[in-house]
Amino acid sequence: MTELHLLSDAAKLKMLQKLMLYWDGQWFLKVVDRYGLEEAIALNRRVRTAFGRIEMRTMLQALRLGKGDARCEFVITAAE
């Protein structure tokens, strides 16, 4: 059996991407089971909006871009 630390960085990244997708899918399905499809869609819309802001702030920080940088000012404004 392959040990996790022996996996390449690319294999680890692919595994994490799949796990995030599975987590998201299970969350949505459980919300549908409990509250119905319409409520699940409404909640998912709110989550996507909030996550989009978090994702953008995280990427900008990783790229060391921020307020005052003309290359991303429109993105920062949208993410606030």
Protein backbone atom coordinates (compact mmCIF):
# COMPACT_ATOMS: atom_id res chain seq x y z
CA MET A 1 0.00 0.00 0.00
CA THR A 2 1.31 3.43 -0.92
CA GLU A 3 1.98 5.72 2.00
CA LEU A 4 0.63 9.25 1.71
CA HIS A 5 4.04 10.89 2.09
CA LEU A 6 5.26 8.92 -0.93
CA LEU A 7 2.69 10.48 -3.24
CA SER A 8 3.85 13.24 -5.55
CA ASP A 9 2.66 16.78 -4.90
CA ALA A 10 0.51 16.54 -8.03
CA ALA A 11 -1.14 13.33 -6.75
CA LYS A 12 -1.78 14.91 -3.35
CA LEU A 13 -3.31 17.97 -5.00
CA LYS A 14 -5.56 15.82 -7.20
CA MET A 15 -6.69 13.82 -4.16
CA LEU A 16 -7.49 16.99 -2.18
CA GLN A 17 -9.42 18.41 -5.13
CA LYS A 18 -11.53 15.25 -5.32
CA LEU A 19 -12.12 15.24 -1.56
CA MET A 20 -13.28 18.87 -1.66
CA LEU A 21 -15.67 18.03 -4.50
CA TYR A 22 -17.04 15.02 -2.61
CA TRP A 23 -17.42 17.10 0.58
CA ASP A 24 -19.33 19.78 -1.30
CA GLY A 25 -21.57 17.24 -3.00
CA GLN A 26 -22.40 15.49 0.25
CA TRP A 27 -23.17 18.79 1.96
CA PHE A 28 -25.58 19.74 -0.82
CA LEU A 29 -27.29 16.34 -0.84
CA LYS A 30 -27.78 16.40 2.94
CA VAL A 31 -29.28 19.90 2.75
CA VAL A 32 -31.64 18.67 0.01
CA ASP A 33 -32.66 15.72 2.22
CA ARG A 34 -33.37 17.97 5.18
CA TYR A 35 -34.74 21.18 3.65
CA GLY A 36 -35.66 20.39 0.06
CA LEU A 37 -34.14 21.26 -3.30
CA GLU A 38 -35.22 24.91 -3.46
CA GLU A 39 -33.75 25.75 -0.06
CA ALA A 40 -30.56 23.83 -0.90
CA ILE A 41 -30.17 25.84 -4.10
CA ALA A 42 -30.72 29.11 -2.22
CA LEU A 43 -28.18 28.17 0.46
CA ASN A 44 -25.70 26.98 -2.15
CA ARG A 45 -25.96 30.34 -3.91
CA ARG A 46 -25.10 32.12 -0.65
CA VAL A 47 -22.17 29.77 -0.02
CA ARG A 48 -20.81 30.26 -3.55
CA THR A 49 -20.93 34.03 -3.14
CA ALA A 50 -19.18 33.94 0.23
CA PHE A 51 -16.61 31.39 -0.92
CA GLY A 52 -15.86 33.39 -4.05
CA ARG A 53 -14.86 36.35 -1.88
CA ILE A 54 -12.68 34.16 0.35
CA GLU A 55 -11.10 32.49 -2.66
CA MET A 56 -10.28 35.81 -4.32
CA ARG A 57 -8.80 37.34 -1.16
CA THR A 58 -6.68 34.22 -0.66
CA MET A 59 -5.39 34.29 -4.24
CA LEU A 60 -4.59 38.00 -4.06
CA GLN A 61 -2.68 37.48 -0.81
CA ALA A 62 -0.76 34.57 -2.34
CA LEU A 63 0.17 36.78 -5.31
CA ARG A 64 0.99 39.64 -2.93
CA LEU A 65 -1.47 41.90 -4.67
CA GLY A 66 -3.71 44.24 -2.78
CA LYS A 67 -5.30 47.63 -2.54
CA GLY A 68 -3.53 50.19 -4.62
CA ASP A 69 -2.42 47.69 -7.25
CA ALA A 70 -4.10 48.77 -10.48
CA ARG A 71 -3.90 45.22 -11.89
CA CYS A 72 -6.51 43.95 -9.46
CA GLU A 73 -8.43 46.94 -8.07
CA PHE A 74 -11.70 45.86 -9.74
CA VAL A 75 -11.35 42.39 -8.22
CA ILE A 76 -10.71 43.71 -4.72
CA THR A 77 -13.75 45.97 -4.94
CA ALA A 78 -15.93 43.05 -6.06
CA ALA A 79 -14.60 40.82 -3.26
CA GLU A 80 -15.36 43.29 -0.46
